[in-house]
Structure formats: structure tokens, C-alpha cells
Amino acid sequence: MIGKGKSIAHTGTSIAYGWNQEKDAEIVFSQHLAGTDPQEITEEFKLIQQENARCQKNTLSFILSPTVEDGRNLSKEKLWELSRRFIKEMGLKERQAIAFVHRDKAHTHVHLYVNRIGFDGKAYSDSFIGKRSQLAAENIAKEMGLTTVKEVQLEKELDSIKVRLDIKDIHHKVMESDRPKTLDSYIKGMQVRNVEVIPTINKANKLQGFRFQYEGHNFKASEVHRSMSGGRIMAQLSRNKGIVKPKEVGKSVQIMGKTLEMSTNLATSIAKNIIKKTIKRAIDTGIGF
């Protein structure tokens, strides 16, 4: 579950948004309030806020977002408990508050509005309110057996690693089985295997590298693996053509019928990779020893 929080000045507009019936809004929590519509609730908030005219951002707005899977299984009673615990964790039990659940999208989430001004006229400190909201939501998720932010991040990281390994594996298969000699043939070979290779063009309209898109993920070539940088890919294509000397590599490349000049960095990287490969081949075959 993710928690977000901030101080706002537009109390009435925010509460009206929370109560929006077009989003299948439903009240899941309320304390120290008697109103039955957004206008009445706003007036009750303002009545207390008049005790501290210096505080302009006098309402606290929170969004509590369980994971999609957790959200499907959270009843109104569970959402009430979630809101109650969050209020307690944030030290807001003695303030007016109202929370709505929105189920208009697959991702169930709660909008919680709390009067920043207490019955004593004092304003609740909003220092680091965003970070404190995150920590409170993390604690509540643990208490209620919900998925925490750290668990979500770990799952995303593991998924990212798997996708990058898949792209790397497909890249090697294309290079080994297809042995492409041109950028177009390499792009086509990857595309056949459901990986989209996206040329990166800089402001000078020069080719400076590549991105890979696969299964909803998008990575820079070097993010997939260091062996897949633009310079290494282009050097491999050059070697497949039989080019083994840097000076034989042109300064432009053909992509889908268009001629693009390569950036200085990319051209230099290609040259370096060709030299490295030539030296390695010489060492491996014992030339010069």
C-alpha cells in the first residue's frame, strides 16, 4: 500500500471530488462530523478553521492506495479499519475527518480529508507530511497483512531483471542465428521475436543509441546489459560485414530507408569496440606471441 499526503487550501473542491458519485464514491470513515453532503462537511471544517485564520493550507489531503489485488478484497469494513488506523498512526484522532473510497478504476483507493486545525485552534504540523504518510501506510499495511511498498518495489525489480535477461537472450539469439549485417536486419530480427528496437536520436538529429521495448518495459540499451550498448551492437554488425578496421566504419547508417549520421560518441564507441575485439582475437589466436 502507498500513502501520499499534503496540505491543501481548496477544502470544498477536494471534498466534493472525494464525494463524486461518478467515481462510485462511498463514505468509508468519518469522525467529529454531522453533515450529509459536501457543502455541509465543508462548512463544518470552516467553522473550526476560523479559529486559525493565519493557516491558509488548512486541510490535510491523503490518498491511501492498496495494490490492485489487495484492493479487490477490501470490504467497506476493512477500508474503515484501514482509515481509522492511519488516522491514529498520524496522530489525527482529535480532528474532523472524512474518507471516501473510489472504485471507478481497477485500482481501489481511499481519499481521506482531515481538518488541519484542531478544536484548540492549533494547526497540525505538515513538516515532511509526504514521508510521514508513506511510513504510516507502510506500518498499517504490515499490521493488516497487506502488501507493502517495499514488497511492491521488490516485485517490480525482480520483474525488471527477468525482462532484461529475456531481452539479452533474444539479442544473442539474433546475433548468433541471424548474423545481421545491417541495422535494419537486426531491428527486424528483434521485432520478429517481439522486441522493439527504438533508435535514439539527439537534438542534432544524429543517432546516439538505442532503447528496447518488451512486455511493457522500456530500457536504454546499456540498462539491459553493458554488452548491448549502441557502440557494441554497431561494432558487431560491422564485424558481420567483414569490417575489422575502425577507419572503414562510416559516419552514417541506414535505418528504414533513411540515412542518419551517427553522433561522435557513438562513432567513437564503435571504433573502440572494433579495436578491442581485434586485439582479443589476436591474443586468443596467439598472433604476435
C-alpha atoms as a PDB file:
ATOM      1  CA  MET A   1       0.000   0.000   0.000  1.00  0.00           C
ATOM      2  CA  ILE A   2       1.145   3.514  -0.845  1.00  0.00           C
ATOM      3  CA  GLY A   3       0.326   6.577   1.251  1.00  0.00           C
ATOM      4  CA  LYS A   4       0.507  10.159  -0.028  1.00  0.00           C
ATOM      5  CA  GLY A   5      -0.211  13.324   1.921  1.00  0.00           C
ATOM      6  CA  LYS A   6      -0.105  17.108   1.586  1.00  0.00           C
ATOM      7  CA  SER A   7      -1.679  20.308   2.925  1.00  0.00           C
ATOM      8  CA  ILE A   8      -4.270  22.000   0.693  1.00  0.00           C
ATOM      9  CA  ALA A   9      -6.299  25.210   0.682  1.00  0.00           C
ATOM     10  CA  HIS A  10      -9.220  24.160  -1.551  1.00  0.00           C
ATOM     11  CA  THR A  11     -11.213  22.211   1.058  1.00  0.00           C
ATOM     12  CA  GLY A  12     -14.650  22.362  -0.554  1.00  0.00           C
ATOM     13  CA  THR A  13     -13.459  21.402  -4.038  1.00  0.00           C
ATOM     14  CA  SER A  14     -11.471  18.447  -2.691  1.00  0.00           C
ATOM     15  CA  ILE A  15     -14.284  17.072  -0.552  1.00  0.00           C
ATOM     16  CA  ALA A  16     -16.685  17.427  -3.484  1.00  0.00           C
ATOM     17  CA  TYR A  17     -14.209  15.445  -5.615  1.00  0.00           C
ATOM     18  CA  GLY A  18     -13.980  12.765  -2.942  1.00  0.00           C
ATOM     19  CA  TRP A  19     -17.780  12.525  -2.855  1.00  0.00           C
ATOM     20  CA  ASN A  20     -18.047  12.289  -6.668  1.00  0.00           C
ATOM     21  CA  GLN A  21     -20.730   9.719  -7.436  1.00  0.00           C
ATOM     22  CA  GLU A  22     -19.439   9.280 -10.979  1.00  0.00           C
ATOM     23  CA  LYS A  23     -16.444   7.555  -9.398  1.00  0.00           C
ATOM     24  CA  ASP A  24     -18.707   5.246  -7.367  1.00  0.00           C
ATOM     25  CA  ALA A  25     -17.601   7.136  -4.250  1.00  0.00           C
ATOM     26  CA  GLU A  26     -18.690   5.789  -0.887  1.00  0.00           C
ATOM     27  CA  ILE A  27     -18.002   7.154   2.604  1.00  0.00           C
ATOM     28  CA  VAL A  28     -15.875   4.627   4.489  1.00  0.00           C
ATOM     29  CA  PHE A  29     -14.873   6.703   7.519  1.00  0.00           C
ATOM     30  CA  SER A  30     -15.993   9.830   9.356  1.00  0.00           C
ATOM     31  CA  GLN A  31     -15.252  11.403  12.734  1.00  0.00           C
ATOM     32  CA  HIS A  32     -16.448  14.533  14.549  1.00  0.00           C
ATOM     33  CA  LEU A  33     -18.793  15.414  11.656  1.00  0.00           C
ATOM     34  CA  ALA A  34     -22.576  15.532  11.241  1.00  0.00           C
ATOM     35  CA  GLY A  35     -23.031  16.827   7.670  1.00  0.00           C
ATOM     36  CA  THR A  36     -24.679  14.747   4.963  1.00  0.00           C
ATOM     37  CA  ASP A  37     -23.297  16.396   1.811  1.00  0.00           C
ATOM     38  CA  PRO A  38     -20.028  18.032   0.641  1.00  0.00           C
ATOM     39  CA  GLN A  39     -21.249  21.581   1.363  1.00  0.00           C
ATOM     40  CA  GLU A  40     -22.262  20.777   4.931  1.00  0.00           C
ATOM     41  CA  ILE A  41     -18.979  18.967   5.644  1.00  0.00           C
ATOM     42  CA  THR A  42     -17.021  21.900   4.192  1.00  0.00           C
ATOM     43  CA  GLU A  43     -18.919  24.358   6.399  1.00  0.00           C
ATOM     44  CA  GLU A  44     -18.137  22.243   9.470  1.00  0.00           C
ATOM     45  CA  PHE A  45     -14.450  22.267   8.537  1.00  0.00           C
ATOM     46  CA  LYS A  46     -14.528  26.054   8.019  1.00  0.00           C
ATOM     47  CA  LEU A  47     -16.205  26.640  11.373  1.00  0.00           C
ATOM     48  CA  ILE A  48     -13.147  25.212  13.131  1.00  0.00           C
ATOM     49  CA  GLN A  49     -10.675  26.714  10.628  1.00  0.00           C
ATOM     50  CA  GLN A  50     -11.911  30.206  11.553  1.00  0.00           C
ATOM     51  CA  GLU A  51     -10.073  29.744  14.853  1.00  0.00           C
ATOM     52  CA  ASN A  52      -6.760  29.967  12.962  1.00  0.00           C
ATOM     53  CA  ALA A  53      -7.015  32.491  10.139  1.00  0.00           C
ATOM     54  CA  ARG A  54      -3.223  32.552   9.663  1.00  0.00           C
ATOM     55  CA  CYS A  55      -3.127  28.980   8.327  1.00  0.00           C
ATOM     56  CA  GLN A  56      -4.022  29.109   4.629  1.00  0.00           C
ATOM     57  CA  LYS A  57      -3.496  25.453   3.693  1.00  0.00           C
ATOM     58  CA  ASN A  58      -5.816  24.319   6.427  1.00  0.00           C
ATOM     59  CA  THR A  59      -6.886  20.871   5.229  1.00  0.00           C
ATOM     60  CA  LEU A  60      -4.821  17.679   5.031  1.00  0.00           C
ATOM     61  CA  SER A  61      -5.379  15.535   1.955  1.00  0.00           C
ATOM     62  CA  PHE A  62      -4.283  11.896   1.945  1.00  0.00           C
ATOM     63  CA  ILE A  63      -4.531   9.124  -0.640  1.00  0.00           C
ATOM     64  CA  LEU A  64      -4.222   5.519   0.512  1.00  0.00           C
ATOM     65  CA  SER A  65      -3.654   3.111  -2.373  1.00  0.00           C
ATOM     66  CA  PRO A  66      -3.562  -0.647  -1.735  1.00  0.00           C
ATOM     67  CA  THR A  67      -2.255  -2.856  -4.533  1.00  0.00           C
ATOM     68  CA  VAL A  68      -4.782  -3.863  -7.199  1.00  0.00           C
ATOM     69  CA  GLU A  69      -5.063  -7.367  -5.734  1.00  0.00           C
ATOM     70  CA  ASP A  70      -5.444  -6.145  -2.135  1.00  0.00           C
ATOM     71  CA  GLY A  71      -7.982  -3.530  -3.230  1.00  0.00           C
ATOM     72  CA  ARG A  72     -10.277  -6.168  -4.733  1.00  0.00           C
ATOM     73  CA  ASN A  73     -10.505  -7.914  -1.368  1.00  0.00           C
ATOM     74  CA  LEU A  74     -11.031  -4.875   0.877  1.00  0.00           C
ATOM     75  CA  SER A  75     -14.637  -4.562   2.076  1.00  0.00           C
ATOM     76  CA  LYS A  76     -16.133  -1.303   3.356  1.00  0.00           C
ATOM     77  CA  GLU A  77     -15.455  -2.512   6.911  1.00  0.00           C
ATOM     78  CA  LYS A  78     -11.797  -3.214   6.111  1.00  0.00           C
ATOM     79  CA  LEU A  79     -11.428   0.213   4.500  1.00  0.00           C
ATOM     80  CA  TRP A  80     -12.940   1.788   7.626  1.00  0.00           C
ATOM     81  CA  GLU A  81     -10.364  -0.039   9.719  1.00  0.00           C
ATOM     82  CA  LEU A  82      -7.567   0.988   7.366  1.00  0.00           C
ATOM     83  CA  SER A  83      -8.609   4.666   7.588  1.00  0.00           C
ATOM     84  CA  ARG A  84      -9.015   4.503  11.378  1.00  0.00           C
ATOM     85  CA  ARG A  85      -5.550   3.038  11.859  1.00  0.00           C
ATOM     86  CA  PHE A  86      -3.992   5.598   9.531  1.00  0.00           C
ATOM     87  CA  ILE A  87      -5.672   8.445  11.434  1.00  0.00           C
ATOM     88  CA  LYS A  88      -4.325   7.037  14.700  1.00  0.00           C
ATOM     89  CA  GLU A  89      -0.820   6.448  13.298  1.00  0.00           C
ATOM     90  CA  MET A  90      -0.668  10.058  12.094  1.00  0.00           C
ATOM     91  CA  GLY A  91      -1.899  11.450  15.439  1.00  0.00           C
ATOM     92  CA  LEU A  92      -5.126  12.879  13.997  1.00  0.00           C
ATOM     93  CA  LYS A  93      -7.784  11.260  16.205  1.00  0.00           C
ATOM     94  CA  GLU A  94      -8.989  14.571  17.650  1.00  0.00           C
ATOM     95  CA  ARG A  95      -9.656  16.262  14.309  1.00  0.00           C
ATOM     96  CA  GLN A  96     -12.555  16.292  11.879  1.00  0.00           C
ATOM     97  CA  ALA A  97     -12.035  13.749   9.131  1.00  0.00           C
ATOM     98  CA  ILE A  98     -13.876  12.043   6.300  1.00  0.00           C
ATOM     99  CA  ALA A  99     -12.736   9.330   3.874  1.00  0.00           C
ATOM    100  CA  PHE A 100     -14.154   8.080   0.579  1.00  0.00           C
ATOM    101  CA  VAL A 101     -13.340   5.007  -1.452  1.00  0.00           C
ATOM    102  CA  HIS A 102     -13.139   5.284  -5.233  1.00  0.00           C
ATOM    103  CA  ARG A 103     -13.675   2.080  -7.185  1.00  0.00           C
ATOM    104  CA  ASP A 104     -14.090   3.719 -10.609  1.00  0.00           C
ATOM    105  CA  LYS A 105     -10.850   2.131 -11.805  1.00  0.00           C
ATOM    106  CA  ALA A 106      -9.318  -1.299 -11.276  1.00  0.00           C
ATOM    107  CA  HIS A 107      -7.182   0.321  -8.591  1.00  0.00           C
ATOM    108  CA  THR A 108      -9.269   0.861  -5.439  1.00  0.00           C
ATOM    109  CA  HIS A 109      -8.046   3.855  -3.422  1.00  0.00           C
ATOM    110  CA  VAL A 110      -9.156   5.983  -0.482  1.00  0.00           C
ATOM    111  CA  HIS A 111      -9.290   9.789  -0.372  1.00  0.00           C
ATOM    112  CA  LEU A 112      -9.029  10.998   3.220  1.00  0.00           C
ATOM    113  CA  TYR A 113      -9.528  14.640   4.216  1.00  0.00           C
ATOM    114  CA  VAL A 114      -8.665  15.865   7.704  1.00  0.00           C
ATOM    115  CA  ASN A 115      -9.086  19.330   9.212  1.00  0.00           C
ATOM    116  CA  ARG A 116      -5.577  20.576   9.852  1.00  0.00           C
ATOM    117  CA  ILE A 117      -6.944  22.912  12.526  1.00  0.00           C
ATOM    118  CA  GLY A 118      -7.778  21.212  15.807  1.00  0.00           C
ATOM    119  CA  PHE A 119     -10.585  22.106  18.210  1.00  0.00           C
ATOM    120  CA  ASP A 120      -7.991  24.106  20.139  1.00  0.00           C
ATOM    121  CA  GLY A 121      -7.285  26.280  17.100  1.00  0.00           C
ATOM    122  CA  LYS A 122      -3.786  24.902  16.590  1.00  0.00           C
ATOM    123  CA  ALA A 123      -2.546  23.796  13.167  1.00  0.00           C
ATOM    124  CA  TYR A 124      -1.190  20.280  12.723  1.00  0.00           C
ATOM    125  CA  SER A 125       2.452  20.342  11.598  1.00  0.00           C
ATOM    126  CA  ASP A 126       2.759  19.375   7.949  1.00  0.00           C
ATOM    127  CA  SER A 127       6.560  19.080   8.015  1.00  0.00           C
ATOM    128  CA  PHE A 128       7.614  16.027   5.957  1.00  0.00           C
ATOM    129  CA  ILE A 129       3.921  15.139   5.632  1.00  0.00           C
ATOM    130  CA  GLY A 130       4.569  13.164   2.439  1.00  0.00           C
ATOM    131  CA  LYS A 131       7.266  10.988   4.005  1.00  0.00           C
ATOM    132  CA  ARG A 132       5.298  10.514   7.217  1.00  0.00           C
ATOM    133  CA  SER A 133       2.284   9.409   5.177  1.00  0.00           C
ATOM    134  CA  GLN A 134       4.418   6.812   3.387  1.00  0.00           C
ATOM    135  CA  LEU A 135       5.765   5.414   6.660  1.00  0.00           C
ATOM    136  CA  ALA A 136       2.307   5.339   8.276  1.00  0.00           C
ATOM    137  CA  ALA A 137       0.833   3.492   5.270  1.00  0.00           C
ATOM    138  CA  GLU A 138       3.749   1.029   5.401  1.00  0.00           C
ATOM    139  CA  ASN A 139       3.062   0.293   9.085  1.00  0.00           C
ATOM    140  CA  ILE A 140      -0.697  -0.101   8.537  1.00  0.00           C
ATOM    141  CA  ALA A 141      -0.092  -2.471   5.610  1.00  0.00           C
ATOM    142  CA  LYS A 142       2.084  -4.684   7.824  1.00  0.00           C
ATOM    143  CA  GLU A 143      -0.498  -4.666  10.627  1.00  0.00           C
ATOM    144  CA  MET A 144      -3.352  -5.605   8.281  1.00  0.00           C
ATOM    145  CA  GLY A 145      -1.428  -8.151   6.219  1.00  0.00           C
ATOM    146  CA  LEU A 146      -1.472  -6.011   3.067  1.00  0.00           C
ATOM    147  CA  THR A 147       1.297  -5.734   0.501  1.00  0.00           C
ATOM    148  CA  THR A 148       3.814  -3.065   1.470  1.00  0.00           C
ATOM    149  CA  VAL A 149       5.589  -0.580  -0.792  1.00  0.00           C
ATOM    150  CA  LYS A 150       8.876  -2.433  -0.287  1.00  0.00           C
ATOM    151  CA  GLU A 151       7.283  -5.691  -1.411  1.00  0.00           C
ATOM    152  CA  VAL A 152       5.824  -3.983  -4.491  1.00  0.00           C
ATOM    153  CA  GLN A 153       9.218  -2.440  -5.311  1.00  0.00           C
ATOM    154  CA  LEU A 154      10.946  -5.811  -4.913  1.00  0.00           C
ATOM    155  CA  GLU A 155       8.391  -7.468  -7.201  1.00  0.00           C
ATOM    156  CA  LYS A 156       8.900  -4.740  -9.822  1.00  0.00           C
ATOM    157  CA  GLU A 157      12.668  -5.061  -9.541  1.00  0.00           C
ATOM    158  CA  LEU A 158      12.539  -8.837  -9.989  1.00  0.00           C
ATOM    159  CA  ASP A 159      10.206  -8.435 -12.968  1.00  0.00           C
ATOM    160  CA  SER A 160      12.569  -5.841 -14.459  1.00  0.00           C
ATOM    161  CA  ILE A 161      15.547  -8.180 -14.051  1.00  0.00           C
ATOM    162  CA  LYS A 162      13.659 -11.036 -15.745  1.00  0.00           C
ATOM    163  CA  VAL A 163      12.631  -8.856 -18.709  1.00  0.00           C
ATOM    164  CA  ARG A 164      16.173  -7.522 -19.183  1.00  0.00           C
ATOM    165  CA  LEU A 165      17.554 -11.063 -19.142  1.00  0.00           C
ATOM    166  CA  ASP A 166      14.938 -12.079 -21.732  1.00  0.00           C
ATOM    167  CA  ILE A 167      15.892  -9.165 -23.995  1.00  0.00           C
ATOM    168  CA  LYS A 168      19.580 -10.015 -23.634  1.00  0.00           C
ATOM    169  CA  ASP A 169      18.868 -13.662 -24.509  1.00  0.00           C
ATOM    170  CA  ILE A 170      16.841 -12.662 -27.598  1.00  0.00           C
ATOM    171  CA  HIS A 171      19.607 -10.263 -28.659  1.00  0.00           C
ATOM    172  CA  HIS A 172      22.219 -13.043 -28.514  1.00  0.00           C
ATOM    173  CA  LYS A 173      19.965 -15.409 -30.469  1.00  0.00           C
ATOM    174  CA  VAL A 174      19.517 -12.805 -33.214  1.00  0.00           C
ATOM    175  CA  MET A 175      23.256 -12.122 -33.382  1.00  0.00           C
ATOM    176  CA  GLU A 176      24.198 -15.818 -33.400  1.00  0.00           C
ATOM    177  CA  SER A 177      21.498 -17.282 -35.637  1.00  0.00           C
ATOM    178  CA  ASP A 178      20.661 -14.389 -37.983  1.00  0.00           C
ATOM    179  CA  ARG A 179      24.130 -12.789 -38.028  1.00  0.00           C
ATOM    180  CA  PRO A 180      22.646  -9.457 -39.212  1.00  0.00           C
ATOM    181  CA  LYS A 181      24.928  -7.147 -41.187  1.00  0.00           C
ATOM    182  CA  THR A 182      22.726  -4.058 -41.160  1.00  0.00           C
ATOM    183  CA  LEU A 183      20.840  -2.188 -38.509  1.00  0.00           C
ATOM    184  CA  ASP A 184      17.564  -2.766 -40.341  1.00  0.00           C
ATOM    185  CA  SER A 185      18.064  -6.548 -40.381  1.00  0.00           C
ATOM    186  CA  TYR A 186      18.953  -6.511 -36.676  1.00  0.00           C
ATOM    187  CA  ILE A 187      15.847  -4.460 -35.840  1.00  0.00           C
ATOM    188  CA  LYS A 188      13.705  -6.832 -37.922  1.00  0.00           C
ATOM    189  CA  GLY A 189      15.204  -9.918 -36.250  1.00  0.00           C
ATOM    190  CA  MET A 190      14.426  -8.490 -32.816  1.00  0.00           C
ATOM    191  CA  GLN A 191      10.933  -7.444 -33.901  1.00  0.00           C
ATOM    192  CA  VAL A 192      10.130 -10.961 -35.105  1.00  0.00           C
ATOM    193  CA  ARG A 193      10.856 -12.051 -31.538  1.00  0.00           C
ATOM    194  CA  ASN A 194       8.561  -9.318 -30.118  1.00  0.00           C
ATOM    195  CA  VAL A 195      11.318  -6.915 -29.040  1.00  0.00           C
ATOM    196  CA  GLU A 196      11.071  -3.392 -30.449  1.00  0.00           C
ATOM    197  CA  VAL A 197      14.391  -1.646 -31.024  1.00  0.00           C
ATOM    198  CA  ILE A 198      13.939   2.132 -30.852  1.00  0.00           C
ATOM    199  CA  PRO A 199      16.753   4.310 -32.265  1.00  0.00           C
ATOM    200  CA  THR A 200      17.586   7.269 -30.008  1.00  0.00           C
ATOM    201  CA  ILE A 201      18.027  10.486 -31.958  1.00  0.00           C
ATOM    202  CA  ASN A 202      19.640  13.517 -30.279  1.00  0.00           C
ATOM    203  CA  LYS A 203      18.787  17.198 -30.809  1.00  0.00           C
ATOM    204  CA  ALA A 204      21.285  17.409 -33.645  1.00  0.00           C
ATOM    205  CA  ASN A 205      19.281  14.683 -35.437  1.00  0.00           C
ATOM    206  CA  LYS A 206      22.101  12.176 -35.023  1.00  0.00           C
ATOM    207  CA  LEU A 207      21.854   8.559 -33.920  1.00  0.00           C
ATOM    208  CA  GLN A 208      23.268   8.214 -30.410  1.00  0.00           C
ATOM    209  CA  GLY A 209      21.994   4.840 -29.245  1.00  0.00           C
ATOM    210  CA  PHE A 210      19.020   2.518 -28.811  1.00  0.00           C
ATOM    211  CA  ARG A 211      16.191   1.641 -26.460  1.00  0.00           C
ATOM    212  CA  PHE A 212      14.460  -1.737 -26.173  1.00  0.00           C
ATOM    213  CA  GLN A 213      10.741  -2.195 -25.562  1.00  0.00           C
ATOM    214  CA  TYR A 214       9.437  -5.585 -24.456  1.00  0.00           C
ATOM    215  CA  GLU A 215       6.437  -6.784 -22.425  1.00  0.00           C
ATOM    216  CA  GLY A 216       5.509  -3.287 -21.293  1.00  0.00           C
ATOM    217  CA  HIS A 217       9.056  -2.346 -20.280  1.00  0.00           C
ATOM    218  CA  ASN A 218      11.308   0.196 -21.935  1.00  0.00           C
ATOM    219  CA  PHE A 219      15.081   0.253 -21.299  1.00  0.00           C
ATOM    220  CA  LYS A 220      18.131   2.016 -22.647  1.00  0.00           C
ATOM    221  CA  ALA A 221      20.393  -0.493 -24.386  1.00  0.00           C
ATOM    222  CA  SER A 222      23.078  -0.149 -21.708  1.00  0.00           C
ATOM    223  CA  GLU A 223      20.445  -0.729 -18.989  1.00  0.00           C
ATOM    224  CA  VAL A 224      19.672  -4.141 -20.447  1.00  0.00           C
ATOM    225  CA  HIS A 225      23.345  -5.137 -20.299  1.00  0.00           C
ATOM    226  CA  ARG A 226      26.660  -3.401 -20.856  1.00  0.00           C
ATOM    227  CA  SER A 227      27.349  -5.775 -23.761  1.00  0.00           C
ATOM    228  CA  MET A 228      24.336  -4.255 -25.528  1.00  0.00           C
ATOM    229  CA  SER A 229      25.405  -0.615 -25.690  1.00  0.00           C
ATOM    230  CA  GLY A 230      24.876   1.137 -29.010  1.00  0.00           C
ATOM    231  CA  GLY A 231      28.600   1.045 -29.756  1.00  0.00           C
ATOM    232  CA  ARG A 232      28.869  -2.699 -29.191  1.00  0.00           C
ATOM    233  CA  ILE A 233      25.790  -3.512 -31.245  1.00  0.00           C
ATOM    234  CA  MET A 234      27.002  -1.423 -34.174  1.00  0.00           C
ATOM    235  CA  ALA A 235      30.515  -2.876 -33.880  1.00  0.00           C
ATOM    236  CA  GLN A 236      29.081  -6.400 -34.053  1.00  0.00           C
ATOM    237  CA  LEU A 237      27.103  -5.510 -37.175  1.00  0.00           C
ATOM    238  CA  SER A 238      30.283  -4.082 -38.723  1.00  0.00           C
ATOM    239  CA  ARG A 239      32.210  -7.264 -37.961  1.00  0.00           C
ATOM    240  CA  ASN A 240      29.430  -9.325 -39.517  1.00  0.00           C
ATOM    241  CA  LYS A 241      30.049  -7.281 -42.671  1.00  0.00           C
ATOM    242  CA  GLY A 242      33.710  -8.155 -42.516  1.00  0.00           C
ATOM    243  CA  ILE A 243      34.844  -4.730 -41.282  1.00  0.00           C
ATOM    244  CA  VAL A 244      37.723  -5.125 -38.823  1.00  0.00           C
ATOM    245  CA  LYS A 245      39.338  -1.677 -39.051  1.00  0.00           C
ATOM    246  CA  PRO A 246      37.797   1.386 -37.352  1.00  0.00           C
ATOM    247  CA  LYS A 247      38.616   3.652 -40.292  1.00  0.00           C
ATOM    248  CA  GLU A 248      36.387   1.509 -42.514  1.00  0.00           C
ATOM    249  CA  VAL A 249      33.318   2.293 -40.412  1.00  0.00           C
ATOM    250  CA  GLY A 250      31.223   5.048 -41.965  1.00  0.00           C
ATOM    251  CA  LYS A 251      29.860   8.072 -40.144  1.00  0.00           C
ATOM    252  CA  SER A 252      26.261   7.398 -41.129  1.00  0.00           C
ATOM    253  CA  VAL A 253      23.855   4.474 -41.050  1.00  0.00           C
ATOM    254  CA  GLN A 254      20.728   3.410 -42.944  1.00  0.00           C
ATOM    255  CA  ILE A 255      17.554   2.982 -40.870  1.00  0.00           C
ATOM    256  CA  MET A 256      14.252   2.150 -42.554  1.00  0.00           C
ATOM    257  CA  GLY A 257      15.231   3.857 -45.789  1.00  0.00           C
ATOM    258  CA  LYS A 258      16.663   6.937 -44.115  1.00  0.00           C
ATOM    259  CA  THR A 259      20.290   7.933 -43.739  1.00  0.00           C
ATOM    260  CA  LEU A 260      21.240   9.086 -40.253  1.00  0.00           C
ATOM    261  CA  GLU A 261      24.570  10.485 -39.191  1.00  0.00           C
ATOM    262  CA  MET A 262      25.968   8.929 -36.034  1.00  0.00           C
ATOM    263  CA  SER A 263      26.869  11.042 -33.022  1.00  0.00           C
ATOM    264  CA  THR A 264      30.568  11.477 -32.260  1.00  0.00           C
ATOM    265  CA  ASN A 265      30.214   9.445 -29.060  1.00  0.00           C
ATOM    266  CA  LEU A 266      28.559   6.532 -30.868  1.00  0.00           C
ATOM    267  CA  ALA A 267      31.119   6.526 -33.690  1.00  0.00           C
ATOM    268  CA  THR A 268      33.980   6.620 -31.161  1.00  0.00           C
ATOM    269  CA  SER A 269      32.415   3.783 -29.173  1.00  0.00           C
ATOM    270  CA  ILE A 270      32.079   1.627 -32.312  1.00  0.00           C
ATOM    271  CA  ALA A 271      35.735   2.209 -33.181  1.00  0.00           C
ATOM    272  CA  LYS A 272      36.882   1.316 -29.665  1.00  0.00           C
ATOM    273  CA  ASN A 273      34.838  -1.887 -29.635  1.00  0.00           C
ATOM    274  CA  ILE A 274      36.209  -2.980 -33.008  1.00  0.00           C
ATOM    275  CA  ILE A 275      39.763  -2.378 -31.757  1.00  0.00           C
ATOM    276  CA  LYS A 276      39.109  -4.310 -28.518  1.00  0.00           C
ATOM    277  CA  LYS A 277      37.655  -7.247 -30.425  1.00  0.00           C
ATOM    278  CA  THR A 278      40.569  -7.257 -32.888  1.00  0.00           C
ATOM    279  CA  ILE A 279      43.123  -7.267 -30.047  1.00  0.00           C
ATOM    280  CA  LYS A 280      41.243 -10.035 -28.211  1.00  0.00           C
ATOM    281  CA  ARG A 281      41.124 -12.163 -31.354  1.00  0.00           C
ATOM    282  CA  ALA A 282      44.856 -11.659 -31.838  1.00  0.00           C
ATOM    283  CA  ILE A 283      45.578 -12.729 -28.250  1.00  0.00           C
ATOM    284  CA  ASP A 284      43.248 -15.736 -28.465  1.00  0.00           C
ATOM    285  CA  THR A 285      44.915 -16.982 -31.665  1.00  0.00           C
ATOM    286  CA  GLY A 286      48.427 -16.245 -30.423  1.00  0.00           C
ATOM    287  CA  ILE A 287      49.232 -13.725 -33.146  1.00  0.00           C
ATOM    288  CA  GLY A 288      52.351 -11.755 -32.274  1.00  0.00           C
ATOM    289  CA  PHE A 289      53.411 -14.164 -29.492  1.00  0.00           C
END
